[in-house]
Amino acid sequence: MELKRDIYKKLLDWKNKNTHKVLELEGARQVGKTYILDKFARQEYKRYLYINMVGSTGADFLKCLDAASSWEPGQKREEHPIHKALLLYDPEFKDEEEILVVIDEIQESAVVYSRIREFARDFKAHFIVTGSYLGKTRDKEYFLSAGDVDTLTMTTLTFPEFLDAFGKRDEYESISLYGESEHVLYDELRQYFEIYLQIGGYPEVVITYLQSNSIQECEAVIANLIHIFVKESSKYFESPLELEMFEKVFSSIAVTLLKEKKGTKDLTTDLTKIIFKEESGRISKRMTNYAISWLYLSHQIGYCSMSVDCSNLDIVDNCRYYFNDLGVAGYFLKLTGEPLETIEGVLCENFVYLELMNRIRKREIAGQVPWFAIDKKIMVLD
């Protein structure tokens, strides 16, 4: 079953602009990056090469790169080893603009990731790199020339994309915002919105609902996605305690969303206190901050800022965290045992955050992240 994704048009825009930059497609695990790139490559290019750095194709490409880069004293150096490596990998490779090279899970090789500048500057062919754990590329052995990269972020299905799966997007986009349409349309869209609040937009989850019409089965898929994310993250960390932090940070974010409406000056400290009692000594603020950074760079969570006295020039960062998928948010909010009506209110707030983030990415509104405003005078009076 195929789900239409709006990012396809952005990929096409990138191809047509032909900036000769490498496209880095970011996004959480299982949002459909590999699927959409395969479809895009097959439909829009004459030919494409797919290399997965966690599979046999990645191992083969590294062998070709080693062979192309090998050198001994007295020998003439290979001027373009990366060209030679691609020819060794695929003798039919031609450096033409209608050729696309997709390198998946590129975070698994610092050697290949550090060649991005060469992909951009030394080839006519187009290159796209992607991965679910690109936070790994922040390590010092990874070199990236930011000027040689265009970036796109793929999220789980937005609400319009979700409605598209049910054949209801046209109704959503044409309905009056002032109550002038038939009320039956508003009621129908509200029913879909309530489903979306519960299951979110992971493609596998949406397909499960389309096939089963069961919220319970969707929740089982969400739980499995969380389990896989934590398990896959384990290979990037040495300490089991750091790995143990992930689900605890997820849960603590759910608690802060339920407890605090005005944000906080030091969210990391607050989360650390929630995760473990302060006197336990097992978890430090540094460890909490590291876990939060990994979840953020893996596109599992996002944050908003706080405007003091409603000023856009007095912004305090990292005052409130949100989940990047409503299904995941609902999973951890329900674990708190709070009443369903309270959880639904928080999910609606999280939905607004995600919608604002989408508008920021489209440059429809200013800013890097959403922010909320406080009035110090009112707070003093309270």
Protein backbone atom coordinates (compact mmCIF):
# COMPACT_ATOMS: atom_id res chain seq x y z
CA MET A 1 0.00 0.00 0.00
CA GLU A 2 1.47 3.33 -1.08
CA LEU A 3 1.12 6.54 0.91
CA LYS A 4 1.55 9.83 -0.94
CA ARG A 5 4.22 12.07 0.58
CA ASP A 6 4.53 15.82 0.06
CA ILE A 7 8.32 15.65 0.19
CA TYR A 8 8.37 14.14 -3.30
CA LYS A 9 7.75 17.60 -4.80
CA LYS A 10 10.64 19.02 -2.75
CA LEU A 11 12.92 16.29 -4.06
CA LEU A 12 11.85 17.18 -7.59
CA ASP A 13 12.50 20.87 -6.92
CA TRP A 14 16.01 20.00 -5.72
CA LYS A 15 16.69 18.01 -8.90
CA ASN A 16 15.40 20.76 -11.18
CA LYS A 17 17.38 23.51 -9.44
CA ASN A 18 20.53 21.47 -10.09
CA THR A 19 22.66 23.29 -7.50
CA HIS A 20 25.36 20.58 -7.76
CA LYS A 21 25.11 20.20 -3.99
CA VAL A 22 24.66 16.88 -2.24
CA LEU A 23 21.20 16.48 -0.75
CA GLU A 24 21.14 15.24 2.84
CA LEU A 25 17.72 13.77 3.65
CA GLU A 26 17.19 13.73 7.39
CA GLY A 27 14.44 12.03 9.34
CA ALA A 28 13.63 9.50 12.03
CA ARG A 29 13.84 5.77 11.47
CA GLN A 30 10.88 4.27 9.56
CA VAL A 31 9.41 7.53 8.23
CA GLY A 32 9.85 6.24 4.66
CA LYS A 33 13.12 7.85 3.51
CA THR A 34 14.46 4.82 1.62
CA TYR A 35 11.09 4.11 0.02
CA ILE A 36 10.55 7.65 -1.26
CA LEU A 37 14.12 7.90 -2.56
CA ASP A 38 13.78 4.63 -4.45
CA LYS A 39 10.54 5.83 -6.04
CA PHE A 40 12.04 9.25 -6.84
CA ALA A 41 15.19 7.76 -8.37
CA ARG A 42 13.31 5.29 -10.56
CA GLN A 43 10.80 7.84 -11.84
CA GLU A 44 12.99 10.91 -12.28
CA TYR A 45 16.43 9.60 -13.35
CA LYS A 46 17.73 7.56 -16.25
CA ARG A 47 19.69 5.34 -13.86
CA TYR A 48 20.61 5.19 -10.20
CA LEU A 49 23.00 3.46 -7.84
CA TYR A 50 21.90 2.52 -4.32
CA ILE A 51 24.56 1.92 -1.69
CA ASN A 52 23.60 0.98 1.88
CA MET A 53 26.48 1.37 4.33
CA VAL A 54 25.04 -1.22 6.73
CA GLY A 55 24.65 -3.85 3.99
CA SER A 56 26.76 -5.76 1.52
CA THR A 57 26.61 -2.90 -0.99
CA GLY A 58 28.29 -0.61 1.53
CA ALA A 59 31.02 -3.15 2.26
CA ASP A 60 31.60 -3.62 -1.48
CA PHE A 61 31.83 0.14 -2.06
CA LEU A 62 34.38 0.54 0.75
CA LYS A 63 36.54 -2.18 -0.89
CA CYS A 64 36.34 -0.28 -4.18
CA LEU A 65 37.26 2.97 -2.45
CA ASP A 66 40.24 1.33 -0.74
CA ALA A 67 41.43 -0.10 -4.05
CA ALA A 68 41.00 3.23 -5.86
CA SER A 69 42.83 5.16 -3.12
CA SER A 70 45.72 2.74 -2.66
CA TRP A 71 49.15 4.25 -3.33
CA GLU A 72 52.78 3.30 -2.87
CA PRO A 73 55.85 5.55 -2.93
CA GLY A 74 57.03 6.17 -6.46
CA GLN A 75 53.62 5.58 -8.00
CA LYS A 76 51.51 8.27 -9.63
CA ARG A 77 48.64 9.30 -7.40
CA GLU A 78 45.09 8.72 -8.62
CA GLU A 79 43.63 12.17 -9.39
CA HIS A 80 40.01 11.21 -8.78
CA PRO A 81 39.90 8.08 -6.61
CA ILE A 82 36.20 8.48 -5.87
CA HIS A 83 35.44 8.38 -9.62
CA LYS A 84 37.52 5.24 -9.95
CA ALA A 85 35.80 3.70 -6.93
CA LEU A 86 32.38 4.15 -8.51
CA LEU A 87 33.61 2.64 -11.77
CA LEU A 88 35.02 -0.33 -9.86
CA TYR A 89 31.70 -0.67 -8.04
CA ASP A 90 29.67 -0.38 -11.25
CA PRO A 91 31.59 -0.54 -14.56
CA GLU A 92 28.55 0.97 -16.32
CA PHE A 93 28.59 4.12 -14.16
CA LYS A 94 28.68 7.35 -16.16
CA ASP A 95 29.11 10.79 -14.67
CA GLU A 96 25.98 12.41 -16.10
CA GLU A 97 23.30 14.64 -14.61
CA GLU A 98 20.60 12.01 -15.19
CA ILE A 99 22.43 9.59 -12.89
CA LEU A 100 21.57 9.54 -9.18
CA VAL A 101 23.70 7.95 -6.46
CA VAL A 102 21.89 7.28 -3.17
CA ILE A 103 24.03 6.44 -0.13
CA ASP A 104 21.87 5.16 2.72
CA GLU A 105 22.86 4.94 6.42
CA ILE A 106 25.90 7.05 5.60
CA GLN A 107 26.58 7.64 9.30
CA GLU A 108 28.12 4.14 9.37
CA SER A 109 31.21 5.33 7.49
CA ALA A 110 33.15 8.45 8.40
CA VAL A 111 35.33 7.81 5.34
CA VAL A 112 32.41 7.99 2.92
CA TYR A 113 30.67 10.83 4.77
CA SER A 114 33.84 12.89 4.60
CA ARG A 115 33.78 12.57 0.78
CA ILE A 116 30.62 14.66 0.47
CA ARG A 117 32.60 17.69 -0.72
CA GLU A 118 34.00 15.60 -3.59
CA PHE A 119 30.53 14.28 -4.48
CA ALA A 120 29.34 17.88 -4.79
CA ARG A 121 32.33 19.42 -6.58
CA ASP A 122 33.79 16.68 -8.78
CA PHE A 123 30.68 15.10 -10.32
CA LYS A 124 27.91 15.96 -12.76
CA ALA A 125 25.87 13.07 -11.33
CA HIS A 126 23.53 13.85 -8.45
CA PHE A 127 24.10 12.48 -4.93
CA ILE A 128 21.69 12.01 -2.04
CA VAL A 129 22.87 10.84 1.37
CA THR A 130 20.56 9.78 4.15
CA GLY A 131 20.39 7.91 7.44
CA SER A 132 18.26 7.51 10.53
CA TYR A 133 21.04 8.29 13.01
CA LEU A 134 22.87 11.21 11.44
CA GLY A 135 23.60 12.49 14.94
CA LYS A 136 26.61 10.17 14.77
CA THR A 137 28.12 12.44 12.12
CA ARG A 138 28.66 15.16 14.75
CA ASP A 139 31.67 13.17 15.98
CA LYS A 140 35.02 14.76 15.15
CA GLU A 141 36.13 12.12 12.62
CA TYR A 142 33.27 13.11 10.31
CA PHE A 143 34.06 16.02 7.99
CA LEU A 144 31.29 17.95 6.29
CA SER A 145 31.54 21.05 4.17
CA ALA A 146 28.21 22.71 4.93
CA GLY A 147 28.40 24.82 1.78
CA ASP A 148 28.22 21.68 -0.36
CA VAL A 149 24.99 20.33 1.12
CA ASP A 150 21.28 20.99 0.73
CA THR A 151 19.11 19.58 3.51
CA LEU A 152 15.56 18.25 3.64
CA THR A 153 13.77 16.78 6.65
CA MET A 154 11.22 14.00 6.25
CA THR A 155 8.74 13.62 9.09
CA THR A 156 6.04 11.11 9.87
CA LEU A 157 2.79 11.81 7.98
CA THR A 158 1.40 15.28 8.59
CA PHE A 159 -2.34 15.57 9.14
CA PRO A 160 -3.02 16.50 5.47
CA GLU A 161 -0.93 13.49 4.35
CA PHE A 162 -2.81 11.34 6.87
CA LEU A 163 -6.13 12.48 5.42
CA ASP A 164 -4.81 11.77 1.93
CA ALA A 165 -4.48 8.12 2.92
CA PHE A 166 -8.23 8.07 3.59
CA GLY A 167 -9.14 10.08 0.48
CA LYS A 168 -10.19 13.10 2.56
CA ARG A 169 -7.48 15.66 1.84
CA ASP A 170 -9.48 17.61 -0.75
CA GLU A 171 -12.28 18.09 1.78
CA TYR A 172 -9.80 19.31 4.38
CA GLU A 173 -8.14 21.80 2.05
CA SER A 174 -11.42 23.18 0.68
CA ILE A 175 -13.43 23.44 3.91
CA SER A 176 -14.23 26.93 5.19
CA LEU A 177 -12.29 28.09 8.23
CA TYR A 178 -15.25 30.28 9.22
CA GLY A 179 -17.90 27.61 9.63
CA GLU A 180 -19.49 28.18 6.23
CA SER A 181 -19.22 24.56 5.04
CA GLU A 182 -21.69 21.82 5.89
CA HIS A 183 -21.36 20.79 9.53
CA VAL A 184 -21.23 17.12 8.60
CA LEU A 185 -17.84 17.82 6.98
CA TYR A 186 -16.44 19.34 10.17
CA ASP A 187 -17.70 16.37 12.19
CA GLU A 188 -16.16 13.91 9.76
CA LEU A 189 -12.76 15.63 9.77
CA ARG A 190 -12.84 15.82 13.56
CA GLN A 191 -13.25 12.04 13.70
CA TYR A 192 -10.12 11.60 11.58
CA PHE A 193 -8.29 14.14 13.73
CA GLU A 194 -9.11 12.15 16.87
CA ILE A 195 -7.71 9.01 15.22
CA TYR A 196 -4.58 10.92 14.17
CA LEU A 197 -4.08 12.13 17.76
CA GLN A 198 -4.05 8.51 18.92
CA ILE A 199 -1.93 6.79 16.27
CA GLY A 200 0.24 9.55 14.78
CA GLY A 201 1.81 9.37 11.35
CA TYR A 202 4.38 6.60 11.10
CA PRO A 203 3.65 4.96 7.72
CA GLU A 204 3.60 1.44 9.16
CA VAL A 205 1.13 2.54 11.84
CA VAL A 206 -1.16 4.29 9.37
CA ILE A 207 -1.15 1.28 7.06
CA THR A 208 -1.94 -0.95 10.04
CA TYR A 209 -4.98 1.17 10.85
CA LEU A 210 -6.13 1.19 7.22
CA GLN A 211 -5.97 -2.60 7.17
CA SER A 212 -7.29 -3.38 10.65
CA ASN A 213 -9.23 -0.32 11.83
CA SER A 214 -7.76 -1.13 15.26
CA ILE A 215 -6.17 1.44 17.59
CA GLN A 216 -4.86 -1.41 19.74
CA GLU A 217 -2.94 -2.97 16.86
CA CYS A 218 -1.50 0.45 16.01
CA GLU A 219 -0.31 0.89 19.60
CA ALA A 220 1.49 -2.47 19.37
CA VAL A 221 3.30 -1.28 16.22
CA ILE A 222 4.27 1.99 17.95
CA ALA A 223 5.66 0.08 20.94
CA ASN A 224 7.73 -2.05 18.57
CA LEU A 225 9.07 1.00 16.73
CA ILE A 226 10.21 2.48 20.06
CA HIS A 227 11.83 -0.82 21.04
CA ILE A 228 13.72 -1.04 17.72
CA PHE A 229 14.92 2.56 18.01
CA VAL A 230 16.34 1.93 21.48
CA LYS A 231 17.92 -1.36 20.38
CA GLU A 232 19.52 0.17 17.27
CA SER A 233 20.83 3.11 19.29
CA SER A 234 22.75 0.68 21.50
CA LYS A 235 25.55 0.28 18.93
CA TYR A 236 26.37 3.98 19.17
CA PHE A 237 26.92 3.95 22.96
CA GLU A 238 29.37 2.15 25.19
CA SER A 239 27.51 2.43 28.49
CA PRO A 240 24.32 0.39 29.08
CA LEU A 241 23.26 3.10 31.51
CA GLU A 242 23.29 5.69 28.71
CA LEU A 243 21.09 3.43 26.63
CA GLU A 244 18.74 2.93 29.57
CA MET A 245 18.25 6.68 29.59
CA PHE A 246 16.30 6.87 26.31
CA GLU A 247 12.95 5.47 27.35
CA LYS A 248 13.28 7.23 30.71
CA VAL A 249 13.82 10.56 28.95
CA PHE A 250 10.79 9.87 26.73
CA SER A 251 8.69 9.24 29.83
CA SER A 252 10.03 12.28 31.68
CA ILE A 253 9.20 14.53 28.73
CA ALA A 254 5.63 13.23 28.91
CA VAL A 255 5.55 14.14 32.61
CA THR A 256 6.86 17.68 31.99
CA LEU A 257 4.22 18.20 29.29
CA LEU A 258 1.53 17.27 31.81
CA LYS A 259 2.99 19.23 34.74
CA GLU A 260 4.39 22.48 33.42
CA LYS A 261 2.66 24.92 31.11
CA LYS A 262 5.03 27.87 31.43
CA GLY A 263 8.27 26.15 30.49
CA THR A 264 11.38 26.09 32.65
CA LYS A 265 14.72 27.83 32.85
CA ASP A 266 16.69 24.57 33.16
CA LEU A 267 14.77 21.74 31.54
CA THR A 268 17.71 19.31 31.67
CA THR A 269 17.94 19.59 35.45
CA ASP A 270 14.19 19.12 35.80
CA LEU A 271 14.25 16.03 33.59
CA THR A 272 17.16 14.57 35.55
CA LYS A 273 15.23 14.96 38.81
CA ILE A 274 12.22 13.20 37.29
CA ILE A 275 14.26 10.31 35.88
CA PHE A 276 16.00 9.46 39.14
CA LYS A 277 15.95 10.82 42.64
CA GLU A 278 18.62 13.43 43.01
CA GLU A 279 20.44 11.51 45.74
CA SER A 280 20.75 8.32 43.69
CA GLY A 281 23.91 9.52 41.96
CA ARG A 282 23.42 7.17 39.01
CA ILE A 283 22.35 9.79 36.50
CA SER A 284 24.13 13.07 35.98
CA LYS A 285 22.90 16.19 34.25
CA ARG A 286 25.53 15.57 31.56
CA MET A 287 24.14 12.11 30.81
CA THR A 288 20.60 13.47 30.59
CA ASN A 289 21.73 16.21 28.24
CA TYR A 290 23.55 13.65 26.07
CA ALA A 291 20.47 11.44 25.83
CA ILE A 292 18.28 14.43 24.95
CA SER A 293 20.76 15.47 22.24
CA TRP A 294 20.70 11.98 20.72
CA LEU A 295 16.89 11.90 20.70
CA TYR A 296 16.81 15.37 19.14
CA LEU A 297 19.38 14.56 16.44
CA SER A 298 17.55 11.30 15.72
CA HIS A 299 14.37 13.33 15.11
CA GLN A 300 12.47 11.71 17.97
CA ILE A 301 11.86 14.92 19.90
CA GLY A 302 11.90 18.66 19.26
CA TYR A 303 11.89 21.73 21.44
CA CYS A 304 10.32 25.13 21.60
CA SER A 305 11.60 28.36 23.07
CA MET A 306 10.11 30.98 25.36
CA SER A 307 9.60 34.65 24.61
CA VAL A 308 9.92 36.93 27.62
CA ASP A 309 7.30 39.68 27.72
CA CYS A 310 6.18 38.65 24.21
CA SER A 311 9.40 39.99 22.67
CA ASN A 312 10.87 38.25 19.64
CA LEU A 313 14.28 39.64 20.66
CA ASP A 314 14.25 38.11 24.16
CA ILE A 315 14.07 34.36 23.52
CA VAL A 316 15.09 31.61 25.93
CA ASP A 317 15.91 28.32 24.16
CA ASN A 318 15.06 24.74 25.20
CA CYS A 319 12.18 25.58 27.52
CA ARG A 320 9.83 22.80 26.52
CA TYR A 321 10.22 19.54 24.62
CA TYR A 322 7.69 17.82 22.39
CA PHE A 323 7.46 14.50 20.58
CA ASN A 324 7.91 14.46 16.81
CA ASP A 325 5.10 11.94 16.40
CA LEU A 326 1.72 11.97 18.13
CA GLY A 327 1.52 8.18 18.31
CA VAL A 328 4.77 8.06 20.27
CA ALA A 329 3.59 10.98 22.41
CA GLY A 330 0.34 9.20 23.24
CA TYR A 331 2.20 5.98 24.08
CA PHE A 332 4.28 7.65 26.79
CA LEU A 333 1.53 9.99 28.01
CA LYS A 334 -0.74 7.02 28.65
CA LEU A 335 1.97 5.39 30.77
CA THR A 336 1.59 8.26 33.27
CA GLY A 337 -1.93 7.09 34.16
CA GLU A 338 -3.41 10.58 33.74
CA PRO A 339 -7.08 10.91 32.63
CA LEU A 340 -7.64 10.53 28.89
CA GLU A 341 -9.14 14.02 28.58
CA THR A 342 -5.95 15.50 30.07
CA ILE A 343 -3.79 13.45 27.70
CA GLU A 344 -5.89 14.54 24.72
CA GLY A 345 -5.33 18.18 25.64
CA VAL A 346 -1.56 17.67 25.70
CA LEU A 347 -1.69 15.80 22.38
CA CYS A 348 -3.55 18.75 20.83
CA GLU A 349 -0.80 21.04 22.10
CA ASN A 350 1.84 18.72 20.63
CA PHE A 351 -0.10 18.75 17.35
CA VAL A 352 0.05 22.55 17.24
CA TYR A 353 3.81 22.39 17.83
CA LEU A 354 4.29 20.00 14.90
CA GLU A 355 2.12 22.14 12.62
CA LEU A 356 4.14 25.23 13.52
CA MET A 357 7.37 23.33 12.79
CA ASN A 358 6.02 22.38 9.36
CA ARG A 359 5.21 26.01 8.64
CA ILE A 360 8.69 27.07 9.75
CA ARG A 361 10.28 24.50 7.40
CA LYS A 362 8.15 25.87 4.57
CA ARG A 363 9.25 29.41 5.56
CA GLU A 364 5.61 30.42 5.98
CA ILE A 365 6.47 31.88 9.39
CA ALA A 366 9.72 33.22 10.82
CA GLY A 367 11.97 31.54 13.34
CA GLN A 368 13.96 28.35 13.80
CA VAL A 369 11.58 26.69 16.27
CA PRO A 370 8.16 27.61 17.68
CA TRP A 371 8.03 29.63 20.87
CA PHE A 372 5.46 30.58 23.47
CA ALA A 373 5.26 33.88 25.31
CA ILE A 374 5.09 34.84 28.97
CA ASP A 375 4.39 38.16 30.62
CA LYS A 376 6.56 38.69 33.71
CA LYS A 377 4.13 41.19 35.19
CA ILE A 378 1.24 38.75 35.03
CA MET A 379 3.44 36.01 36.51
CA VAL A 380 4.36 38.29 39.44
CA LEU A 381 0.67 39.03 40.06
CA ASP A 382 -0.12 35.30 40.02
